[in-house]
Amino acid sequence: GDLPLVGVEPALKPAAARSTTKRIAVLATRATLASAKFAALH
């Protein structure tokens, strides 16, 4: 908890802001796509 810590996650929010057609493909590992963290973001 005392250590500055940064993780990474698929950039869905920037992609949604960038997309004009609003159809976005997300390429990731099966474990990432199955995770609770990704499900919440999605």
All heavy atoms as atom14 arrays in JSON, in Angstrom:
{
  "sequence": "GDLPLVGVEPALKPAAARSTTKRIAVLATRATLASAKFAALH",
  "atom14_mask": [
    [1, 1, 1, 1, 0, 0, 0, 0, 0, 0, 0, 0, 0, 0],
    [1, 1, 1, 1, 1, 1, 1, 1, 0, 0, 0, 0, 0, 0],
    [1, 1, 1, 1, 1, 1, 1, 1, 0, 0, 0, 0, 0, 0],
    [1, 1, 1, 1, 1, 1, 1, 0, 0, 0, 0, 0, 0, 0],
    [1, 1, 1, 1, 1, 1, 1, 1, 0, 0, 0, 0, 0, 0],
    [1, 1, 1, 1, 1, 1, 1, 0, 0, 0, 0, 0, 0, 0],
    [1, 1, 1, 1, 0, 0, 0, 0, 0, 0, 0, 0, 0, 0],
    [1, 1, 1, 1, 1, 1, 1, 0, 0, 0, 0, 0, 0, 0],
    [1, 1, 1, 1, 1, 1, 1, 1, 1, 0, 0, 0, 0, 0],
    [1, 1, 1, 1, 1, 1, 1, 0, 0, 0, 0, 0, 0, 0],
    [1, 1, 1, 1, 1, 0, 0, 0, 0, 0, 0, 0, 0, 0],
    [1, 1, 1, 1, 1, 1, 1, 1, 0, 0, 0, 0, 0, 0],
    [1, 1, 1, 1, 1, 1, 1, 1, 1, 0, 0, 0, 0, 0],
    [1, 1, 1, 1, 1, 1, 1, 0, 0, 0, 0, 0, 0, 0],
    [1, 1, 1, 1, 1, 0, 0, 0, 0, 0, 0, 0, 0, 0],
    [1, 1, 1, 1, 1, 0, 0, 0, 0, 0, 0, 0, 0, 0],
    [1, 1, 1, 1, 1, 0, 0, 0, 0, 0, 0, 0, 0, 0],
    [1, 1, 1, 1, 1, 1, 1, 1, 1, 1, 1, 0, 0, 0],
    [1, 1, 1, 1, 1, 1, 0, 0, 0, 0, 0, 0, 0, 0],
    [1, 1, 1, 1, 1, 1, 1, 0, 0, 0, 0, 0, 0, 0],
    [1, 1, 1, 1, 1, 1, 1, 0, 0, 0, 0, 0, 0, 0],
    [1, 1, 1, 1, 1, 1, 1, 1, 1, 0, 0, 0, 0, 0],
    [1, 1, 1, 1, 1, 1, 1, 1, 1, 1, 1, 0, 0, 0],
    [1, 1, 1, 1, 1, 1, 1, 1, 0, 0, 0, 0, 0, 0],
    [1, 1, 1, 1, 1, 0, 0, 0, 0, 0, 0, 0, 0, 0],
    [1, 1, 1, 1, 1, 1, 1, 0, 0, 0, 0, 0, 0, 0],
    [1, 1, 1, 1, 1, 1, 1, 1, 0, 0, 0, 0, 0, 0],
    [1, 1, 1, 1, 1, 0, 0, 0, 0, 0, 0, 0, 0, 0],
    [1, 1, 1, 1, 1, 1, 1, 0, 0, 0, 0, 0, 0, 0],
    [1, 1, 1, 1, 1, 1, 1, 1, 1, 1, 1, 0, 0, 0],
    [1, 1, 1, 1, 1, 0, 0, 0, 0, 0, 0, 0, 0, 0],
    [1, 1, 1, 1, 1, 1, 1, 0, 0, 0, 0, 0, 0, 0],
    [1, 1, 1, 1, 1, 1, 1, 1, 0, 0, 0, 0, 0, 0],
    [1, 1, 1, 1, 1, 0, 0, 0, 0, 0, 0, 0, 0, 0],
    [1, 1, 1, 1, 1, 1, 0, 0, 0, 0, 0, 0, 0, 0],
    [1, 1, 1, 1, 1, 0, 0, 0, 0, 0, 0, 0, 0, 0],
    [1, 1, 1, 1, 1, 1, 1, 1, 1, 0, 0, 0, 0, 0],
    [1, 1, 1, 1, 1, 1, 1, 1, 1, 1, 1, 0, 0, 0],
    [1, 1, 1, 1, 1, 0, 0, 0, 0, 0, 0, 0, 0, 0],
    [1, 1, 1, 1, 1, 0, 0, 0, 0, 0, 0, 0, 0, 0],
    [1, 1, 1, 1, 1, 1, 1, 1, 0, 0, 0, 0, 0, 0],
    [1, 1, 1, 1, 1, 1, 1, 1, 1, 1, 0, 0, 0, 0]
  ],
  "atom14_positions": [
    [[0.79, -1.22, 0.0], [0.0, 0.0, 0.0], [0.82, 1.28, 0.0], [0.31, 2.34, -0.36], [0.0, 0.0, 0.0], [0.0, 0.0, 0.0], [0.0, 0.0, 0.0], [0.0, 0.0, 0.0], [0.0, 0.0, 0.0], [0.0, 0.0, 0.0], [0.0, 0.0, 0.0], [0.0, 0.0, 0.0], [0.0, 0.0, 0.0], [0.0, 0.0, 0.0]],
    [[2.08, 1.19, 0.39], [2.94, 2.38, 0.43], [3.67, 2.62, -0.88], [4.39, 3.62, -1.02], [3.98, 2.22, 1.54], [4.91, 1.02, 1.31], [4.41, -0.01, 0.81], [6.1, 1.13, 1.61], [0.0, 0.0, 0.0], [0.0, 0.0, 0.0], [0.0, 0.0, 0.0], [0.0, 0.0, 0.0], [0.0, 0.0, 0.0], [0.0, 0.0, 0.0]],
    [[3.5, 1.74, -1.85], [4.28, 1.8, -3.09], [3.43, 2.34, -4.23], [2.35, 1.81, -4.51], [4.75, 0.38, -3.45], [5.7, 0.24, -4.64], [7.08, 0.8, -4.3], [5.81, -1.23, -5.05], [0.0, 0.0, 0.0], [0.0, 0.0, 0.0], [0.0, 0.0, 0.0], [0.0, 0.0, 0.0], [0.0, 0.0, 0.0], [0.0, 0.0, 0.0]],
    [[3.88, 3.39, -4.93], [3.17, 3.81, -6.14], [3.08, 2.64, -7.11], [4.11, 2.03, -7.45], [4.05, 4.94, -6.69], [4.76, 5.49, -5.49], [5.02, 4.28, -4.62], [0.0, 0.0, 0.0], [0.0, 0.0, 0.0], [0.0, 0.0, 0.0], [0.0, 0.0, 0.0], [0.0, 0.0, 0.0], [0.0, 0.0, 0.0], [0.0, 0.0, 0.0]],
    [[1.88, 2.3, -7.54], [1.65, 1.08, -8.31], [0.71, 1.38, -9.47], [-0.35, 1.98, -9.28], [1.09, 0.0, -7.4], [1.12, -1.44, -7.88], [1.12, -2.39, -6.69], [-0.09, -1.75, -8.77], [0.0, 0.0, 0.0], [0.0, 0.0, 0.0], [0.0, 0.0, 0.0], [0.0, 0.0, 0.0], [0.0, 0.0, 0.0], [0.0, 0.0, 0.0]],
    [[1.09, 0.95, -10.66], [0.29, 1.18, -11.86], [0.09, -0.14, -12.57], [1.06, -0.87, -12.83], [0.97, 2.19, -12.81], [0.09, 2.44, -14.04], [1.27, 3.5, -12.1], [0.0, 0.0, 0.0], [0.0, 0.0, 0.0], [0.0, 0.0, 0.0], [0.0, 0.0, 0.0], [0.0, 0.0, 0.0], [0.0, 0.0, 0.0], [0.0, 0.0, 0.0]],
    [[-1.16, -0.47, -12.88], [-1.46, -1.63, -13.69], [-1.9, -1.22, -15.08], [-1.97, -0.03, -15.4], [0.0, 0.0, 0.0], [0.0, 0.0, 0.0], [0.0, 0.0, 0.0], [0.0, 0.0, 0.0], [0.0, 0.0, 0.0], [0.0, 0.0, 0.0], [0.0, 0.0, 0.0], [0.0, 0.0, 0.0], [0.0, 0.0, 0.0], [0.0, 0.0, 0.0]],
    [[-2.15, -2.19, -15.92], [-2.64, -1.91, -17.27], [-3.96, -2.65, -17.47], [-4.19, -3.71, -16.89], [-1.63, -2.32, -18.36], [-0.34, -1.55, -18.21], [-1.35, -3.82, -18.34], [0.0, 0.0, 0.0], [0.0, 0.0, 0.0], [0.0, 0.0, 0.0], [0.0, 0.0, 0.0], [0.0, 0.0, 0.0], [0.0, 0.0, 0.0], [0.0, 0.0, 0.0]],
    [[-4.81, -2.07, -18.28], [-6.06, -2.73, -18.65], [-6.37, -2.36, -20.09], [-5.9, -1.32, -20.58], [-7.2, -2.32, -17.72], [-7.58, -0.86, -17.78], [-8.7, -0.51, -16.81], [-8.99, -1.32, -15.92], [-9.28, 0.58, -16.97], [0.0, 0.0, 0.0], [0.0, 0.0, 0.0], [0.0, 0.0, 0.0], [0.0, 0.0, 0.0], [0.0, 0.0, 0.0]],
    [[-7.13, -3.19, -20.8], [-7.47, -2.86, -22.18], [-8.11, -1.48, -22.27], [-8.99, -1.14, -21.47], [-8.45, -3.97, -22.57], [-8.04, -5.13, -21.71], [-7.65, -4.51, -20.4], [0.0, 0.0, 0.0], [0.0, 0.0, 0.0], [0.0, 0.0, 0.0], [0.0, 0.0, 0.0], [0.0, 0.0, 0.0], [0.0, 0.0, 0.0], [0.0, 0.0, 0.0]],
    [[-7.68, -0.7, -23.24], [-8.05, 0.72, -23.32], [-9.42, 0.9, -23.98], [-9.55, 1.55, -25.03], [-6.98, 1.48, -24.07], [0.0, 0.0, 0.0], [0.0, 0.0, 0.0], [0.0, 0.0, 0.0], [0.0, 0.0, 0.0], [0.0, 0.0, 0.0], [0.0, 0.0, 0.0], [0.0, 0.0, 0.0], [0.0, 0.0, 0.0], [0.0, 0.0, 0.0]],
    [[-10.45, 0.37, -23.33], [-11.8, 0.47, -23.89], [-12.32, 1.9, -23.9], [-12.94, 2.33, -24.88], [-12.76, -0.43, -23.09], [-12.92, -1.87, -23.57], [-11.58, -2.62, -23.5], [-13.97, -2.61, -22.74], [0.0, 0.0, 0.0], [0.0, 0.0, 0.0], [0.0, 0.0, 0.0], [0.0, 0.0, 0.0], [0.0, 0.0, 0.0], [0.0, 0.0, 0.0]],
    [[-12.08, 2.63, -22.83], [-12.61, 4.0, -22.76], [-11.98, 4.91, -23.82], [-12.71, 5.6, -24.54], [-12.39, 4.57, -21.36], [-13.08, 5.9, -21.14], [-13.01, 6.32, -19.68], [-13.75, 7.64, -19.44], [-13.69, 8.05, -18.02], [0.0, 0.0, 0.0], [0.0, 0.0, 0.0], [0.0, 0.0, 0.0], [0.0, 0.0, 0.0], [0.0, 0.0, 0.0]],
    [[-10.65, 4.92, -23.97], [-10.08, 5.72, -25.07], [-10.56, 5.26, -26.44], [-10.75, 6.09, -27.34], [-8.57, 5.51, -24.91], [-8.38, 5.14, -23.48], [-9.6, 4.36, -23.11], [0.0, 0.0, 0.0], [0.0, 0.0, 0.0], [0.0, 0.0, 0.0], [0.0, 0.0, 0.0], [0.0, 0.0, 0.0], [0.0, 0.0, 0.0], [0.0, 0.0, 0.0]],
    [[-10.76, 3.96, -26.6], [-11.23, 3.45, -27.89], [-12.64, 3.94, -28.19], [-12.95, 4.33, -29.32], [-11.19, 1.93, -27.9], [0.0, 0.0, 0.0], [0.0, 0.0, 0.0], [0.0, 0.0, 0.0], [0.0, 0.0, 0.0], [0.0, 0.0, 0.0], [0.0, 0.0, 0.0], [0.0, 0.0, 0.0], [0.0, 0.0, 0.0], [0.0, 0.0, 0.0]],
    [[-13.51, 3.93, -27.17], [-14.88, 4.41, -27.36], [-14.89, 5.89, -27.73], [-15.7, 6.34, -28.56], [-15.69, 4.17, -26.1], [0.0, 0.0, 0.0], [0.0, 0.0, 0.0], [0.0, 0.0, 0.0], [0.0, 0.0, 0.0], [0.0, 0.0, 0.0], [0.0, 0.0, 0.0], [0.0, 0.0, 0.0], [0.0, 0.0, 0.0], [0.0, 0.0, 0.0]],
    [[-13.99, 6.66, -27.11], [-13.91, 8.09, -27.43], [-13.37, 8.31, -28.84], [-13.78, 9.25, -29.53], [-13.02, 8.79, -26.41], [0.0, 0.0, 0.0], [0.0, 0.0, 0.0], [0.0, 0.0, 0.0], [0.0, 0.0, 0.0], [0.0, 0.0, 0.0], [0.0, 0.0, 0.0], [0.0, 0.0, 0.0], [0.0, 0.0, 0.0], [0.0, 0.0, 0.0]],
    [[-12.49, 7.44, -29.29], [-11.85, 7.59, -30.6], [-12.75, 7.1, -31.74], [-12.74, 7.66, -32.85], [-10.54, 6.8, -30.59], [-9.93, 6.44, -31.95], [-9.49, 7.65, -32.75], [-8.87, 7.29, -34.01], [-9.51, 6.86, -35.09], [-10.83, 6.69, -35.05], [-8.86, 6.6, -36.21], [0.0, 0.0, 0.0], [0.0, 0.0, 0.0], [0.0, 0.0, 0.0]],
    [[-13.56, 6.07, -31.5], [-14.31, 5.41, -32.56], [-15.45, 6.28, -33.1], [-16.18, 6.91, -32.33], [-14.88, 4.09, -32.05], [-15.7, 3.49, -33.04], [0.0, 0.0, 0.0], [0.0, 0.0, 0.0], [0.0, 0.0, 0.0], [0.0, 0.0, 0.0], [0.0, 0.0, 0.0], [0.0, 0.0, 0.0], [0.0, 0.0, 0.0], [0.0, 0.0, 0.0]],
    [[-15.6, 6.29, -34.4], [-16.72, 6.98, -35.05], [-17.87, 6.02, -35.3], [-19.04, 6.36, -35.09], [-16.27, 7.59, -36.39], [-15.22, 8.53, -36.15], [-17.43, 8.3, -37.08], [0.0, 0.0, 0.0], [0.0, 0.0, 0.0], [0.0, 0.0, 0.0], [0.0, 0.0, 0.0], [0.0, 0.0, 0.0], [0.0, 0.0, 0.0], [0.0, 0.0, 0.0]],
    [[-17.56, 4.79, -35.71], [-18.61, 3.82, -36.01], [-19.15, 3.17, -34.74], [-20.21, 2.54, -34.77], [-18.09, 2.71, -36.93], [-17.1, 1.93, -36.23], [-17.48, 3.29, -38.2], [0.0, 0.0, 0.0], [0.0, 0.0, 0.0], [0.0, 0.0, 0.0], [0.0, 0.0, 0.0], [0.0, 0.0, 0.0], [0.0, 0.0, 0.0], [0.0, 0.0, 0.0]],
    [[-18.41, 3.29, -33.65], [-18.77, 2.71, -32.35], [-18.84, 1.18, -32.4], [-19.56, 0.55, -31.63], [-20.11, 3.28, -31.82], [-20.08, 4.8, -31.64], [-18.95, 5.23, -30.7], [-18.89, 6.73, -30.54], [-17.74, 7.18, -29.7], [0.0, 0.0, 0.0], [0.0, 0.0, 0.0], [0.0, 0.0, 0.0], [0.0, 0.0, 0.0], [0.0, 0.0, 0.0]],
    [[-18.05, 0.6, -33.28], [-17.83, -0.85, -33.3], [-16.34, -1.07, -33.11], [-15.53, -0.61, -33.93], [-18.33, -1.5, -34.59], [-19.81, -1.34, -34.82], [-20.31, -2.33, -35.88], [-20.49, -3.67, -35.33], [-20.14, -4.79, -35.96], [-19.55, -4.74, -37.14], [-20.36, -5.96, -35.41], [0.0, 0.0, 0.0], [0.0, 0.0, 0.0], [0.0, 0.0, 0.0]],
    [[-15.98, -1.75, -32.03], [-14.59, -1.86, -31.59], [-14.25, -3.32, -31.32], [-15.0, -4.01, -30.62], [-14.38, -1.03, -30.3], [-14.65, 0.45, -30.58], [-12.98, -1.24, -29.73], [-14.83, 1.28, -29.33], [0.0, 0.0, 0.0], [0.0, 0.0, 0.0], [0.0, 0.0, 0.0], [0.0, 0.0, 0.0], [0.0, 0.0, 0.0], [0.0, 0.0, 0.0]],
    [[-13.15, -3.79, -31.88], [-12.67, -5.13, -31.59], [-11.64, -5.07, -30.46], [-10.75, -4.22, -30.48], [-12.05, -5.77, -32.83], [0.0, 0.0, 0.0], [0.0, 0.0, 0.0], [0.0, 0.0, 0.0], [0.0, 0.0, 0.0], [0.0, 0.0, 0.0], [0.0, 0.0, 0.0], [0.0, 0.0, 0.0], [0.0, 0.0, 0.0], [0.0, 0.0, 0.0]],
    [[-11.79, -5.96, -29.49], [-10.86, -6.03, -28.36], [-10.1, -7.34, -28.46], [-10.67, -8.42, -28.34], [-11.62, -5.95, -27.02], [-10.62, -5.98, -25.85], [-12.49, -4.7, -26.96], [0.0, 0.0, 0.0], [0.0, 0.0, 0.0], [0.0, 0.0, 0.0], [0.0, 0.0, 0.0], [0.0, 0.0, 0.0], [0.0, 0.0, 0.0], [0.0, 0.0, 0.0]],
    [[-8.8, -7.26, -28.68], [-7.93, -8.41, -28.79], [-7.21, -8.59, -27.46], [-6.54, -7.68, -26.98], [-6.91, -8.21, -29.91], [-7.47, -7.77, -31.26], [-6.33, -7.48, -32.23], [-8.4, -8.82, -31.84], [0.0, 0.0, 0.0], [0.0, 0.0, 0.0], [0.0, 0.0, 0.0], [0.0, 0.0, 0.0], [0.0, 0.0, 0.0], [0.0, 0.0, 0.0]],
    [[-7.34, -9.76, -26.84], [-6.75, -9.96, -25.51], [-6.58, -11.45, -25.26], [-7.05, -12.29, -26.04], [-7.63, -9.33, -24.43], [0.0, 0.0, 0.0], [0.0, 0.0, 0.0], [0.0, 0.0, 0.0], [0.0, 0.0, 0.0], [0.0, 0.0, 0.0], [0.0, 0.0, 0.0], [0.0, 0.0, 0.0], [0.0, 0.0, 0.0], [0.0, 0.0, 0.0]],
    [[-5.92, -11.78, -24.16], [-5.82, -13.18, -23.77], [-7.17, -13.64, -23.22], [-8.0, -12.84, -22.77], [-4.75, -13.4, -22.69], [-5.16, -12.77, -21.47], [-3.41, -12.83, -23.13], [0.0, 0.0, 0.0], [0.0, 0.0, 0.0], [0.0, 0.0, 0.0], [0.0, 0.0, 0.0], [0.0, 0.0, 0.0], [0.0, 0.0, 0.0], [0.0, 0.0, 0.0]],
    [[-7.37, -14.92, -23.25], [-8.62, -15.49, -22.74], [-8.78, -15.18, -21.24], [-9.88, -14.89, -20.77], [-8.63, -17.0, -23.0], [-9.98, -17.66, -22.86], [-9.93, -19.09, -23.36], [-9.69, -19.16, -24.79], [-10.65, -19.07, -25.71], [-11.91, -18.92, -25.33], [-10.35, -19.16, -27.0], [0.0, 0.0, 0.0], [0.0, 0.0, 0.0], [0.0, 0.0, 0.0]],
    [[-7.68, -15.22, -20.49], [-7.75, -14.94, -19.05], [-8.17, -13.51, -18.77], [-8.95, -13.25, -17.86], [-6.4, -15.24, -18.4], [0.0, 0.0, 0.0], [0.0, 0.0, 0.0], [0.0, 0.0, 0.0], [0.0, 0.0, 0.0], [0.0, 0.0, 0.0], [0.0, 0.0, 0.0], [0.0, 0.0, 0.0], [0.0, 0.0, 0.0], [0.0, 0.0, 0.0]],
    [[-7.65, -12.56, -19.55], [-8.04, -11.16, -19.37], [-9.53, -10.98, -19.64], [-10.25, -10.36, -18.85], [-7.22, -10.25, -20.29], [-5.86, -10.26, -19.87], [-7.74, -8.82, -20.27], [0.0, 0.0, 0.0], [0.0, 0.0, 0.0], [0.0, 0.0, 0.0], [0.0, 0.0, 0.0], [0.0, 0.0, 0.0], [0.0, 0.0, 0.0], [0.0, 0.0, 0.0]],
    [[-10.0, -11.53, -20.74], [-11.41, -11.35, -21.11], [-12.36, -12.04, -20.13], [-13.5, -11.62, -19.97], [-11.65, -11.88, -22.53], [-10.91, -11.13, -23.65], [-11.18, -11.8, -24.99], [-11.31, -9.66, -23.69], [0.0, 0.0, 0.0], [0.0, 0.0, 0.0], [0.0, 0.0, 0.0], [0.0, 0.0, 0.0], [0.0, 0.0, 0.0], [0.0, 0.0, 0.0]],
    [[-11.88, -13.08, -19.46], [-12.72, -13.82, -18.5], [-12.67, -13.24, -17.09], [-13.42, -13.68, -16.22], [-12.29, -15.28, -18.44], [0.0, 0.0, 0.0], [0.0, 0.0, 0.0], [0.0, 0.0, 0.0], [0.0, 0.0, 0.0], [0.0, 0.0, 0.0], [0.0, 0.0, 0.0], [0.0, 0.0, 0.0], [0.0, 0.0, 0.0], [0.0, 0.0, 0.0]],
    [[-11.84, -12.24, -16.86], [-11.64, -11.71, -15.51], [-12.79, -10.83, -15.06], [-13.46, -10.17, -15.86], [-10.33, -10.92, -15.43], [-10.43, -9.71, -16.15], [0.0, 0.0, 0.0], [0.0, 0.0, 0.0], [0.0, 0.0, 0.0], [0.0, 0.0, 0.0], [0.0, 0.0, 0.0], [0.0, 0.0, 0.0], [0.0, 0.0, 0.0], [0.0, 0.0, 0.0]],
    [[-12.99, -10.77, -13.75], [-14.02, -9.91, -13.18], [-13.7, -8.44, -13.42], [-14.6, -7.62, -13.64], [-14.14, -10.18, -11.68], [0.0, 0.0, 0.0], [0.0, 0.0, 0.0], [0.0, 0.0, 0.0], [0.0, 0.0, 0.0], [0.0, 0.0, 0.0], [0.0, 0.0, 0.0], [0.0, 0.0, 0.0], [0.0, 0.0, 0.0], [0.0, 0.0, 0.0]],
    [[-12.42, -8.1, -13.38], [-12.0, -6.71, -13.6], [-12.38, -6.25, -15.0], [-12.92, -5.15, -15.19], [-10.5, -6.56, -13.37], [-9.98, -5.13, -13.43], [-8.51, -5.08, -13.07], [-7.96, -3.66, -13.18], [-8.58, -2.74, -12.21], [0.0, 0.0, 0.0], [0.0, 0.0, 0.0], [0.0, 0.0, 0.0], [0.0, 0.0, 0.0], [0.0, 0.0, 0.0]],
    [[-12.12, -7.1, -16.0], [-12.49, -6.73, -17.37], [-14.01, -6.68, -17.51], [-14.54, -5.79, -18.18], [-11.91, -7.71, -18.38], [-12.3, -7.38, -19.79], [-11.63, -6.41, -20.49], [-13.4, -8.0, -20.39], [-12.01, -6.06, -21.79], [-13.8, -7.67, -21.67], [-13.1, -6.7, -22.37], [0.0, 0.0, 0.0], [0.0, 0.0, 0.0], [0.0, 0.0, 0.0]],
    [[-14.72, -7.63, -16.9], [-16.18, -7.64, -17.0], [-16.78, -6.35, -16.47], [-17.72, -5.79, -17.06], [-16.75, -8.84, -16.25], [0.0, 0.0, 0.0], [0.0, 0.0, 0.0], [0.0, 0.0, 0.0], [0.0, 0.0, 0.0], [0.0, 0.0, 0.0], [0.0, 0.0, 0.0], [0.0, 0.0, 0.0], [0.0, 0.0, 0.0], [0.0, 0.0, 0.0]],
    [[-16.23, -5.84, -15.37], [-16.73, -4.59, -14.81], [-16.44, -3.41, -15.74], [-17.3, -2.54, -15.94], [-16.1, -4.35, -13.43], [0.0, 0.0, 0.0], [0.0, 0.0, 0.0], [0.0, 0.0, 0.0], [0.0, 0.0, 0.0], [0.0, 0.0, 0.0], [0.0, 0.0, 0.0], [0.0, 0.0, 0.0], [0.0, 0.0, 0.0], [0.0, 0.0, 0.0]],
    [[-15.24, -3.39, -16.3], [-14.89, -2.32, -17.24], [-15.8, -2.36, -18.47], [-16.33, -1.33, -18.89], [-13.42, -2.47, -17.65], [-12.91, -1.53, -18.74], [-12.92, -0.09, -18.24], [-11.51, -1.94, -19.18], [0.0, 0.0, 0.0], [0.0, 0.0, 0.0], [0.0, 0.0, 0.0], [0.0, 0.0, 0.0], [0.0, 0.0, 0.0], [0.0, 0.0, 0.0]],
    [[-15.98, -3.55, -19.01], [-16.82, -3.72, -20.19], [-18.25, -3.27, -19.9], [-18.86, -2.52, -20.69], [-16.78, -5.19, -20.62], [-17.51, -5.47, -21.89], [-17.95, -6.73, -22.22], [-17.89, -4.67, -22.91], [-18.55, -6.69, -23.39], [-18.53, -5.45, -23.84], [0.0, 0.0, 0.0], [0.0, 0.0, 0.0], [0.0, 0.0, 0.0], [0.0, 0.0, 0.0]]
  ]
}
